[in-house]
Amino acid sequence: MKQPSLLCAVLLFLFAVNHALAQNAIFEIEKFGANGDGKTLNTTVIQSAIDSCSSSGGGTVHFPAGTWLTGTLLLKNNVTLNLDKDATLLGSTDINDYQVVDGFKDGLGQQMGYALIGAVNVNNTGITGKGTINGQGKLVYASGGHSRRPFLIRFVRSNNIIVKEVHLTGPTAWTMHFFHCKNILTEKISIYSRGLGNNDGIDIDCCENVNIRDCDINSGDDAICFKTTSPFPCRNVTVSNIRINTGEGAIKFGTESAGNFEDISVNNIKVNFAREGGIKIFSVDGSHIKNISISNVEMDTVNMPIIMRLGARLKTFREGDQKQEPGTINNIHIRNVSVKRGTWTGMLISGIQDHYIDGVYMENIRINIPGEGAAEDAKIVLEERPADYPEIKMFGKKIPAYGLYIRHAKNIRCNNVVFTSDKTDERPAIIGYDLENITYSKWKLPSTGGNEPVAKIADSKNIQFKNITPPASTSTFLQVSGNKSEGIVVPGKLPVVVDNDVPTNAVKKQ
């Protein structure tokens, strides 16, 4: 698999050097008439400092200690905002002080794009320093901002961006959104974004050559979210050393997925809590997701640690964009994942009829579950729902398998997978159908209750089970059904039940 890290490192080094060379001049906002009392609205004078800095060839607009109240600020070429440790850039609570920064509609059809800090078609810009940017989102929302909901920071079609060390808090919607930008370095920032809907952490939307590292994100909505709200790709991205606590998903691809996602590496992630999914990969609007590497992820208390969904919602988000055919998900590598207190089920992989998730390799996966599944849960049949908004709850809150539910998929390898259970779960570990070329190797599974088999496979071909350690009391390891089933290979010691509709010799023991 192509790795984006080296390319990102070279490009980011070059633009960081150029960025640093342009930062010699310092523009003090107080000299332009700004007042840091937290009550005086400084929008006009701070914008004047930014404009003067840019027109003079670039440099730094400096915020000393104080609380600097403002509405929308627009960054310009060669301008970096720098906030001292005791400086707070404070968003106005009056929604009329905010502007739309290149508006669009999100996956739910809501108008988005208002922002406290924005940049459109800008080169060599950013935000640095150890100060705070506080959007006062709850107060903005209460004052009439519920229909306009400003982002905290939004970069649009801009290049060579550095955001470093600042603390970001209180957006009315997403915290920081990069759209159709190139050459981004975000490092050592902290985000606290809680209390309102759509409080995402960092959204990387149709961007190229991105490095996000060494950050702390505590968000009400998705923490790190890759999006493509237009047909442009999101590619050559590295995300590393991130600590996450989130009310939604930790690492998410989609749901807005009109453009491709490719050559993306996510590494060294620690998730302390994720209410709505750990690793989420969704293509539902026509995107092709490929060459994704996710490794060294630790999670604690996560609903649905790993979920992949290839669907056919096929929405567009900007005027003039054309609806697409269903996309693809392939060449996905997920390694070294450890989950404490995973809930619902461990992993779900679901394509749709005639559109397969193709090419997934998962290795060294450790998932602990509560073991609360009942016998009646195992009988649930999940609807296809190809056009629905994708989320972990789209199929309901009960999944018939505790370990892996997989359908409409091929060329999948799951190696060295260990499940543990706090209680005795009565569901199968694995349920799969409409599968091709699937290998389960080196699985260790806990004891289960009830009469369900450990694994159930239907209408699938070329399925191999290797080096499986089943529960000690297993009466039936595998149940095979469906007249399309063939090439099912099971270790000889494991008991198998074959339904009457299965062709002769479809199952072999080795």
Protein backbone atom coordinates (compact mmCIF):
# COMPACT_ATOMS: atom_id res chain seq x y z
CA MET A 1 0.00 0.00 0.00
CA LYS A 2 1.17 3.51 -0.82
CA GLN A 3 2.00 5.39 2.36
CA PRO A 4 1.30 9.14 2.47
CA SER A 5 3.68 9.88 5.35
CA LEU A 6 6.91 10.60 3.42
CA LEU A 7 5.20 12.71 0.79
CA CYS A 8 3.37 14.69 3.46
CA ALA A 9 6.56 15.20 5.44
CA VAL A 10 8.48 16.61 2.47
CA LEU A 11 5.68 18.92 1.33
CA LEU A 12 4.90 20.12 4.83
CA PHE A 13 8.57 20.83 5.52
CA LEU A 14 8.85 22.96 2.39
CA PHE A 15 5.77 25.02 3.10
CA ALA A 16 6.68 25.37 6.80
CA VAL A 17 10.01 26.90 5.81
CA ASN A 18 8.31 29.34 3.44
CA HIS A 19 5.66 30.04 6.06
CA ALA A 20 8.29 30.89 8.68
CA LEU A 21 10.12 33.25 6.33
CA ALA A 22 6.96 35.32 5.91
CA GLN A 23 6.37 35.80 9.65
CA ASN A 24 8.97 38.44 10.44
CA ALA A 25 6.63 41.45 10.67
CA ILE A 26 4.43 41.63 13.78
CA PHE A 27 1.17 43.58 13.84
CA GLU A 28 -0.11 44.28 17.35
CA ILE A 29 -3.91 44.43 17.44
CA GLU A 30 -3.87 47.01 20.26
CA LYS A 31 -2.14 49.48 17.92
CA PHE A 32 -5.16 49.19 15.62
CA GLY A 33 -7.51 50.06 18.49
CA ALA A 34 -8.50 46.63 19.82
CA ASN A 35 -9.71 46.42 23.41
CA GLY A 36 -9.22 43.23 25.38
CA ASP A 37 -11.91 43.82 27.99
CA GLY A 38 -14.14 40.99 26.68
CA LYS A 39 -17.00 43.46 26.05
CA THR A 40 -15.86 45.69 23.19
CA LEU A 41 -16.59 44.27 19.73
CA ASN A 42 -13.26 44.32 17.87
CA THR A 43 -14.23 42.81 14.51
CA THR A 44 -13.43 45.88 12.38
CA VAL A 45 -10.10 46.75 14.00
CA ILE A 46 -8.80 43.17 14.08
CA GLN A 47 -9.78 42.75 10.43
CA SER A 48 -7.91 45.97 9.69
CA ALA A 49 -4.78 44.50 11.31
CA ILE A 50 -5.12 41.34 9.22
CA ASP A 51 -5.61 43.30 6.01
CA SER A 52 -2.66 45.59 6.74
CA CYS A 53 -0.43 42.64 7.54
CA SER A 54 -1.28 40.95 4.25
CA SER A 55 -0.97 44.08 2.11
CA SER A 56 2.44 44.78 3.67
CA GLY A 57 3.78 41.40 2.52
CA GLY A 58 2.67 39.25 5.45
CA GLY A 59 3.60 38.48 9.00
CA THR A 60 1.96 37.84 12.37
CA VAL A 61 -1.13 39.46 13.85
CA HIS A 62 -0.45 39.24 17.56
CA PHE A 63 -3.02 38.90 20.38
CA PRO A 64 -1.54 39.68 23.81
CA ALA A 65 -3.15 38.67 27.10
CA GLY A 66 -6.77 39.73 27.25
CA THR A 67 -10.20 38.74 26.01
CA TRP A 68 -10.78 39.93 22.47
CA LEU A 69 -14.46 39.90 21.43
CA THR A 70 -15.12 39.61 17.70
CA GLY A 71 -17.42 38.50 14.92
CA THR A 72 -16.24 36.82 11.71
CA LEU A 73 -12.58 37.41 10.82
CA LEU A 74 -11.23 36.58 7.37
CA LEU A 75 -7.60 35.54 7.11
CA LYS A 76 -5.58 36.78 4.15
CA ASN A 77 -2.43 35.74 2.27
CA ASN A 78 0.73 35.36 4.36
CA VAL A 79 -1.00 36.13 7.66
CA THR A 80 -0.74 34.09 10.86
CA LEU A 81 -2.74 34.84 13.98
CA ASN A 82 -0.70 34.33 17.14
CA LEU A 83 -2.34 34.15 20.58
CA ASP A 84 -0.39 34.51 23.81
CA LYS A 85 -1.07 31.95 26.53
CA ASP A 86 -3.44 34.26 28.39
CA ALA A 87 -5.15 35.58 25.26
CA THR A 88 -8.70 34.56 24.37
CA LEU A 89 -10.27 35.31 21.02
CA LEU A 90 -13.95 35.36 21.98
CA GLY A 91 -16.80 34.90 19.53
CA SER A 92 -19.67 37.38 19.65
CA THR A 93 -22.97 35.99 20.92
CA ASP A 94 -24.89 37.99 18.27
CA ILE A 95 -25.45 35.85 15.19
CA ASN A 96 -25.61 39.04 13.08
CA ASP A 97 -21.87 39.48 13.66
CA TYR A 98 -21.12 36.35 11.59
CA GLN A 99 -20.66 35.83 7.85
CA VAL A 100 -21.07 32.83 5.57
CA VAL A 101 -17.67 31.56 4.45
CA ASP A 102 -18.40 29.70 1.20
CA GLY A 103 -21.67 28.05 2.20
CA PHE A 104 -22.80 24.47 1.53
CA LYS A 105 -25.32 21.91 2.76
CA ASP A 106 -24.35 19.05 5.05
CA GLY A 107 -25.49 15.42 4.94
CA LEU A 108 -28.81 16.32 6.57
CA GLY A 109 -29.51 19.13 4.10
CA GLN A 110 -28.76 21.95 6.55
CA GLN A 111 -27.17 25.22 5.39
CA MET A 112 -23.63 25.41 6.74
CA GLY A 113 -20.61 27.69 6.40
CA TYR A 114 -20.87 30.53 8.91
CA ALA A 115 -17.60 30.83 10.81
CA LEU A 116 -15.81 32.82 13.49
CA ILE A 117 -12.48 32.61 11.63
CA GLY A 118 -12.50 31.96 7.90
CA ALA A 119 -10.10 31.85 4.98
CA VAL A 120 -11.07 31.54 1.30
CA ASN A 121 -8.50 31.20 -1.52
CA VAL A 122 -5.65 32.12 0.81
CA ASN A 123 -2.00 31.00 0.79
CA ASN A 124 0.43 30.78 3.71
CA THR A 125 -1.84 31.34 6.68
CA GLY A 126 -2.63 29.85 10.05
CA ILE A 127 -3.15 30.19 13.77
CA THR A 128 -0.47 29.62 16.42
CA GLY A 129 0.24 30.25 20.07
CA LYS A 130 -1.01 28.77 23.33
CA GLY A 131 -4.07 30.96 23.72
CA THR A 132 -7.76 30.09 23.37
CA ILE A 133 -10.39 30.60 20.69
CA ASN A 134 -13.85 30.39 22.25
CA GLY A 135 -16.92 30.58 20.03
CA GLN A 136 -19.44 30.80 22.91
CA GLY A 137 -21.56 28.38 20.90
CA LYS A 138 -24.33 27.83 23.44
CA LEU A 139 -24.96 31.56 23.74
CA VAL A 140 -24.84 32.04 19.97
CA TYR A 141 -27.34 29.22 19.54
CA ALA A 142 -29.65 30.64 22.19
CA SER A 143 -29.56 34.12 20.63
CA GLY A 144 -30.95 32.86 17.31
CA GLY A 145 -28.02 30.99 15.83
CA HIS A 146 -29.78 27.63 15.64
CA SER A 147 -30.33 27.99 11.88
CA ARG A 148 -26.89 29.44 11.06
CA ARG A 149 -24.61 27.77 13.61
CA PRO A 150 -21.10 29.14 12.99
CA PHE A 151 -18.08 26.88 12.78
CA LEU A 152 -15.19 28.00 14.94
CA ILE A 153 -12.58 27.89 12.13
CA ARG A 154 -13.06 27.28 8.40
CA PHE A 155 -10.41 27.15 5.67
CA VAL A 156 -11.68 26.96 2.07
CA ARG A 157 -9.58 26.36 -1.08
CA SER A 158 -6.49 27.53 0.76
CA ASN A 159 -2.90 26.26 0.73
CA ASN A 160 -0.04 26.07 3.20
CA ILE A 161 -1.90 26.21 6.51
CA ILE A 162 -0.48 25.77 10.01
CA VAL A 163 -2.65 25.49 13.12
CA LYS A 164 -0.50 24.87 16.18
CA GLU A 165 -0.80 24.68 19.96
CA VAL A 166 -4.01 26.70 20.37
CA HIS A 167 -6.99 25.59 22.46
CA LEU A 168 -10.28 25.56 20.56
CA THR A 169 -13.63 25.50 22.32
CA GLY A 170 -17.28 26.51 22.10
CA PRO A 171 -18.24 26.24 18.41
CA THR A 172 -21.91 26.38 17.51
CA ALA A 173 -21.31 23.59 14.96
CA TRP A 174 -18.02 22.03 13.79
CA THR A 175 -14.81 23.16 15.47
CA MET A 176 -12.36 23.23 12.55
CA HIS A 177 -13.19 22.50 8.92
CA PHE A 178 -10.72 22.32 6.03
CA PHE A 179 -12.40 22.23 2.60
CA HIS A 180 -10.52 21.67 -0.67
CA CYS A 181 -7.22 22.77 0.87
CA LYS A 182 -3.66 21.56 0.32
CA ASN A 183 -0.61 21.35 2.57
CA ILE A 184 -2.03 21.42 6.09
CA LEU A 185 -0.14 20.95 9.35
CA THR A 186 -2.18 20.76 12.56
CA GLU A 187 -0.30 19.82 15.70
CA LYS A 188 -0.42 20.04 19.48
CA ILE A 189 -3.86 21.61 19.59
CA SER A 190 -6.58 20.79 22.09
CA ILE A 191 -10.30 20.84 21.36
CA TYR A 192 -13.21 20.89 23.78
CA SER A 193 -16.40 20.93 21.75
CA ARG A 194 -19.42 19.84 23.75
CA GLY A 195 -23.03 20.72 24.42
CA LEU A 196 -24.55 21.26 20.96
CA GLY A 197 -25.38 19.08 17.97
CA ASN A 198 -22.76 18.67 15.23
CA ASN A 199 -19.90 19.60 17.56
CA ASP A 200 -17.26 17.84 15.44
CA GLY A 201 -13.58 18.12 16.26
CA ILE A 202 -11.58 18.29 13.01
CA ASP A 203 -13.19 17.81 9.58
CA ILE A 204 -10.87 17.10 6.65
CA ASP A 205 -12.98 17.66 3.53
CA CYS A 206 -11.62 17.13 -0.01
CA CYS A 207 -8.09 18.00 1.15
CA GLU A 208 -4.62 16.84 0.05
CA ASN A 209 -1.26 16.61 1.80
CA VAL A 210 -2.43 16.83 5.39
CA ASN A 211 -0.63 16.02 8.63
CA ILE A 212 -2.55 16.09 11.92
CA ARG A 213 -0.59 14.99 14.96
CA ASP A 214 -0.25 15.15 18.74
CA CYS A 215 -3.73 16.53 19.47
CA ASP A 216 -6.35 16.12 22.20
CA ILE A 217 -9.99 16.12 21.09
CA ASN A 218 -13.02 16.04 23.37
CA SER A 219 -16.01 16.46 21.09
CA GLY A 220 -19.76 15.98 21.22
CA ASP A 221 -19.80 14.77 17.61
CA ASP A 222 -17.21 13.00 15.44
CA ALA A 223 -13.64 13.66 16.59
CA ILE A 224 -11.63 13.19 13.37
CA CYS A 225 -13.91 13.14 10.34
CA PHE A 226 -12.85 12.71 6.73
CA LYS A 227 -15.48 14.11 4.37
CA THR A 228 -15.91 14.80 0.69
CA THR A 229 -18.77 17.25 0.28
CA SER A 230 -17.82 17.70 -3.39
CA PRO A 231 -16.33 15.38 -6.04
CA PHE A 232 -12.77 16.43 -5.14
CA PRO A 233 -10.68 13.75 -3.40
CA CYS A 234 -9.39 13.56 0.14
CA ARG A 235 -5.91 12.02 -0.14
CA ASN A 236 -2.36 11.88 1.14
CA VAL A 237 -3.35 12.37 4.77
CA THR A 238 -1.55 11.29 7.94
CA VAL A 239 -3.23 11.40 11.35
CA SER A 240 -1.15 10.29 14.34
CA ASN A 241 -0.89 10.45 18.13
CA ILE A 242 -4.42 11.64 18.86
CA ARG A 243 -6.29 11.32 22.17
CA ILE A 244 -10.07 11.20 21.79
CA ASN A 245 -13.21 11.35 23.90
CA THR A 246 -16.35 11.73 21.80
CA GLY A 247 -20.11 11.51 21.92
CA GLU A 248 -20.15 10.12 18.38
CA GLY A 249 -17.42 8.51 16.23
CA ALA A 250 -13.69 8.56 16.92
CA ILE A 251 -12.26 8.13 13.40
CA LYS A 252 -14.85 8.50 10.63
CA PHE A 253 -14.86 8.46 6.83
CA GLY A 254 -18.15 10.02 5.53
CA THR A 255 -21.03 10.36 5.75
CA GLU A 256 -20.66 13.05 3.10
CA SER A 257 -18.79 10.98 0.53
CA ALA A 258 -19.10 12.47 -2.97
CA GLY A 259 -15.35 12.44 -3.68
CA ASN A 260 -12.77 9.71 -3.24
CA PHE A 261 -10.74 8.92 -0.11
CA GLU A 262 -7.31 7.47 -0.82
CA ASP A 263 -3.83 7.06 0.63
CA ILE A 264 -4.75 7.88 4.21
CA SER A 265 -2.86 6.69 7.29
CA VAL A 266 -4.22 6.80 10.85
CA ASN A 267 -1.84 5.65 13.58
CA ASN A 268 -1.47 5.70 17.36
CA ILE A 269 -4.96 6.66 18.46
CA LYS A 270 -6.23 6.42 22.05
CA VAL A 271 -10.01 6.56 22.47
CA ASN A 272 -11.26 6.91 26.03
CA PHE A 273 -14.92 6.90 25.04
CA ALA A 274 -16.88 6.84 21.76
CA ARG A 275 -20.63 6.54 22.03
CA GLU A 276 -21.33 6.01 18.32
CA GLY A 277 -18.46 4.00 16.89
CA GLY A 278 -14.70 3.72 16.94
CA ILE A 279 -13.46 3.24 13.35
CA LYS A 280 -16.20 4.11 10.83
CA ILE A 281 -15.72 3.84 7.06
CA PHE A 282 -18.74 4.90 4.98
CA SER A 283 -19.10 5.32 1.22
CA VAL A 284 -22.73 6.13 0.46
CA ASP A 285 -22.62 8.98 -2.08
CA GLY A 286 -20.43 7.43 -4.78
CA SER A 287 -16.93 7.75 -3.35
CA HIS A 288 -14.18 5.20 -3.91
CA ILE A 289 -12.38 4.57 -0.62
CA LYS A 290 -9.03 2.84 -1.08
CA ASN A 291 -5.54 2.51 0.35
CA ILE A 292 -6.51 3.22 3.95
CA SER A 293 -4.20 2.15 6.79
CA ILE A 294 -5.38 2.30 10.41
CA SER A 295 -3.09 0.92 13.11
CA ASN A 296 -2.29 0.95 16.82
CA VAL A 297 -5.67 1.99 18.15
CA GLU A 298 -6.67 1.61 21.81
CA MET A 299 -10.35 2.07 22.70
CA ASP A 300 -12.33 1.98 25.91
CA THR A 301 -16.15 1.97 26.11
CA VAL A 302 -17.05 2.06 22.44
CA ASN A 303 -20.30 1.13 20.73
CA MET A 304 -19.41 -0.80 17.55
CA PRO A 305 -15.59 -0.57 17.47
CA ILE A 306 -15.29 -1.19 13.71
CA ILE A 307 -17.97 -0.58 11.06
CA MET A 308 -17.77 -0.36 7.26
CA ARG A 309 -20.74 0.51 5.09
CA LEU A 310 -20.97 0.72 1.31
CA GLY A 311 -24.39 2.18 0.49
CA ALA A 312 -26.36 4.06 -2.13
CA ARG A 313 -27.73 7.23 -0.56
CA LEU A 314 -26.15 9.19 -3.46
CA LYS A 315 -26.67 12.74 -2.19
CA THR A 316 -25.04 15.89 -3.53
CA PHE A 317 -24.05 18.84 -1.35
CA ARG A 318 -23.31 21.72 -3.71
CA GLU A 319 -25.27 23.25 -6.54
CA GLY A 320 -24.29 21.81 -9.90
CA ASP A 321 -22.81 18.56 -8.56
CA GLN A 322 -24.16 15.44 -10.24
CA LYS A 323 -25.41 12.31 -8.52
CA GLN A 324 -23.09 9.33 -8.89
CA GLU A 325 -23.34 5.57 -9.03
CA PRO A 326 -22.52 3.61 -5.84
CA GLY A 327 -18.81 3.72 -5.03
CA THR A 328 -16.36 1.14 -3.69
CA ILE A 329 -14.43 0.30 -0.54
CA ASN A 330 -11.19 -1.62 -1.08
CA ASN A 331 -7.64 -2.11 0.14
CA ILE A 332 -8.37 -1.30 3.76
CA HIS A 333 -5.78 -2.35 6.37
CA ILE A 334 -6.68 -2.28 10.07
CA ARG A 335 -4.03 -3.57 12.49
CA ASN A 336 -3.34 -3.68 16.20
CA VAL A 337 -6.68 -2.64 17.64
CA SER A 338 -7.45 -3.21 21.33
CA VAL A 339 -10.92 -2.57 22.74
CA LYS A 340 -12.02 -2.58 26.37
CA ARG A 341 -15.77 -2.57 26.96
CA GLY A 342 -16.92 -2.72 23.38
CA THR A 343 -20.71 -2.89 23.16
CA TRP A 344 -23.45 -4.09 20.80
CA THR A 345 -21.12 -6.06 18.55
CA GLY A 346 -17.45 -5.96 17.68
CA MET A 347 -17.39 -5.45 13.91
CA LEU A 348 -19.92 -4.89 11.13
CA ILE A 349 -19.06 -4.95 7.42
CA SER A 350 -21.96 -4.41 5.03
CA GLY A 351 -22.05 -3.72 1.33
CA ILE A 352 -25.27 -3.89 -0.68
CA GLN A 353 -26.60 -6.24 -3.33
CA ASP A 354 -24.23 -6.29 -6.35
CA HIS A 355 -21.88 -3.76 -4.71
CA TYR A 356 -19.28 -5.51 -2.54
CA ILE A 357 -16.82 -4.24 -0.02
CA ASP A 358 -13.71 -5.71 -1.61
CA GLY A 359 -10.28 -6.09 -0.04
CA VAL A 360 -10.10 -5.67 3.73
CA TYR A 361 -7.27 -6.98 5.88
CA MET A 362 -7.66 -6.94 9.66
CA GLU A 363 -4.94 -8.27 11.95
CA ASN A 364 -4.29 -8.35 15.70
CA ILE A 365 -7.73 -7.33 16.86
CA ARG A 366 -8.67 -7.66 20.56
CA ILE A 367 -12.23 -6.84 21.54
CA ASN A 368 -13.96 -7.23 24.88
CA ILE A 369 -17.79 -7.25 24.87
CA PRO A 370 -20.31 -7.22 27.74
CA GLY A 371 -21.90 -10.48 26.58
CA GLU A 372 -25.49 -9.34 26.92
CA GLY A 373 -26.84 -10.81 23.68
CA ALA A 374 -29.90 -13.02 24.10
CA ALA A 375 -31.05 -16.01 22.05
CA GLU A 376 -33.82 -13.98 20.39
CA ASP A 377 -31.25 -11.40 19.24
CA ALA A 378 -29.55 -14.06 17.13
CA LYS A 379 -32.72 -14.42 15.05
CA ILE A 380 -32.85 -10.76 14.00
CA VAL A 381 -32.60 -10.21 10.24
CA LEU A 382 -30.98 -6.87 9.40
CA GLU A 383 -32.65 -4.92 6.62
CA GLU A 384 -30.52 -3.80 3.67
CA ARG A 385 -31.55 -0.10 3.79
CA PRO A 386 -29.17 0.96 0.96
CA ALA A 387 -30.30 4.61 0.78
CA ASP A 388 -30.29 5.40 4.50
CA TYR A 389 -28.04 7.82 6.34
CA PRO A 390 -25.23 5.54 7.56
CA GLU A 391 -24.69 5.18 11.28
CA ILE A 392 -24.08 2.35 13.72
CA LYS A 393 -27.74 2.41 14.71
CA MET A 394 -29.06 2.28 11.13
CA PHE A 395 -29.82 -1.44 11.45
CA GLY A 396 -31.17 -1.16 15.00
CA LYS A 397 -29.57 -1.43 18.41
CA LYS A 398 -29.40 -5.22 18.38
CA ILE A 399 -27.07 -7.09 16.02
CA PRO A 400 -27.47 -10.89 15.66
CA ALA A 401 -23.72 -11.61 15.97
CA TYR A 402 -21.51 -10.50 18.85
CA GLY A 403 -18.20 -10.62 16.96
CA LEU A 404 -18.52 -9.95 13.23
CA TYR A 405 -21.61 -9.43 11.11
CA ILE A 406 -20.55 -9.37 7.44
CA ARG A 407 -22.45 -9.40 4.12
CA HIS A 408 -21.93 -8.45 0.47
CA ALA A 409 -18.16 -8.60 0.82
CA LYS A 410 -15.23 -10.38 -0.80
CA ASN A 411 -11.49 -10.76 -0.43
CA ILE A 412 -11.53 -10.24 3.33
CA ARG A 413 -8.85 -11.56 5.71
CA CYS A 414 -9.24 -11.50 9.47
CA ASN A 415 -6.11 -12.75 11.21
CA ASN A 416 -5.36 -13.13 14.91
CA VAL A 417 -8.69 -11.97 16.34
CA VAL A 418 -9.50 -12.45 20.02
CA PHE A 419 -12.85 -11.82 21.66
CA THR A 420 -13.50 -11.87 25.39
CA SER A 421 -16.87 -11.55 27.06
CA ASP A 422 -17.84 -10.37 30.54
CA LYS A 423 -20.96 -12.56 30.48
CA THR A 424 -22.11 -15.53 28.45
CA ASP A 425 -23.45 -14.23 25.16
CA GLU A 426 -26.09 -16.32 23.37
CA ARG A 427 -25.45 -15.00 19.84
CA PRO A 428 -23.09 -16.48 17.24
CA ALA A 429 -19.64 -14.98 17.01
CA ILE A 430 -19.83 -14.66 13.21
CA ILE A 431 -22.74 -14.27 10.80
CA GLY A 432 -22.06 -13.82 7.11
CA TYR A 433 -23.79 -14.17 3.78
CA ASP A 434 -23.19 -13.30 0.13
CA LEU A 435 -19.45 -13.58 0.69
CA GLU A 436 -16.53 -14.63 -1.48
CA ASN A 437 -12.91 -15.36 -0.63
CA ILE A 438 -12.99 -14.81 3.12
CA THR A 439 -10.34 -16.11 5.53
CA TYR A 440 -10.76 -16.29 9.29
CA SER A 441 -7.49 -17.36 10.89
CA LYS A 442 -6.24 -17.56 14.50
CA TRP A 443 -9.53 -16.64 16.14
CA LYS A 444 -10.05 -17.17 19.88
CA LEU A 445 -13.63 -17.05 21.11
CA PRO A 446 -15.25 -17.12 24.56
CA SER A 447 -17.83 -19.59 25.82
CA THR A 448 -21.37 -18.87 24.71
CA GLY A 449 -24.78 -19.88 25.98
CA GLY A 450 -27.86 -21.09 24.14
CA ASN A 451 -28.03 -23.35 21.12
CA GLU A 452 -26.65 -21.11 18.39
CA PRO A 453 -23.58 -22.22 16.40
CA VAL A 454 -20.39 -20.24 16.77
CA ALA A 455 -20.54 -19.18 13.11
CA LYS A 456 -23.29 -19.05 10.49
CA ILE A 457 -22.46 -18.71 6.79
CA ALA A 458 -25.04 -18.52 3.99
CA ASP A 459 -24.82 -18.30 0.17
CA SER A 460 -21.06 -17.82 0.24
CA LYS A 461 -18.09 -19.37 -1.49
CA ASN A 462 -14.41 -19.90 -0.82
CA ILE A 463 -14.60 -19.38 2.93
CA GLN A 464 -11.73 -20.68 5.08
CA PHE A 465 -11.49 -21.13 8.84
CA LYS A 466 -7.90 -21.70 10.04
CA ASN A 467 -6.43 -22.22 13.52
CA ILE A 468 -9.69 -21.46 15.28
CA THR A 469 -9.92 -21.77 19.07
CA PRO A 470 -13.65 -22.21 19.69
CA PRO A 471 -15.44 -22.21 23.04
CA ALA A 472 -14.72 -25.38 25.02
CA SER A 473 -18.36 -26.45 25.09
CA THR A 474 -19.05 -26.00 21.37
CA SER A 475 -21.67 -28.43 20.07
CA THR A 476 -21.85 -26.79 16.63
CA PHE A 477 -19.08 -24.61 15.35
CA LEU A 478 -20.42 -23.78 11.88
CA GLN A 479 -23.82 -23.84 10.25
CA VAL A 480 -23.80 -23.55 6.44
CA SER A 481 -26.92 -22.71 4.42
CA GLY A 482 -27.90 -21.52 0.94
CA ASN A 483 -27.70 -23.17 -2.46
CA LYS A 484 -24.93 -20.80 -3.56
CA SER A 485 -22.54 -21.99 -0.86
CA GLU A 486 -19.38 -23.77 -2.01
CA GLY A 487 -15.72 -24.08 -1.10
CA ILE A 488 -16.22 -23.84 2.68
CA VAL A 489 -13.11 -25.17 4.46
CA VAL A 490 -13.17 -25.96 8.19
CA PRO A 491 -10.60 -27.63 10.48
CA GLY A 492 -11.51 -31.32 10.85
CA LYS A 493 -12.04 -31.23 14.62
CA LEU A 494 -14.79 -28.58 14.48
CA PRO A 495 -18.42 -29.80 14.30
CA VAL A 496 -20.38 -28.54 11.28
CA VAL A 497 -24.08 -28.58 10.40
CA VAL A 498 -25.01 -28.36 6.71
CA ASP A 499 -28.57 -27.41 5.77
CA ASN A 500 -30.48 -29.36 3.14
CA ASP A 501 -30.26 -26.60 0.52
CA VAL A 502 -26.45 -26.67 0.46
CA PRO A 503 -24.88 -28.43 -2.58
CA THR A 504 -23.07 -31.71 -1.98
CA ASN A 505 -19.39 -31.36 -1.13
CA ALA A 506 -19.73 -27.62 -0.50
CA VAL A 507 -18.02 -28.08 2.86
CA LYS A 508 -14.59 -29.69 3.29
CA LYS A 509 -12.75 -30.55 6.48
CA GLN A 510 -8.99 -30.32 6.73
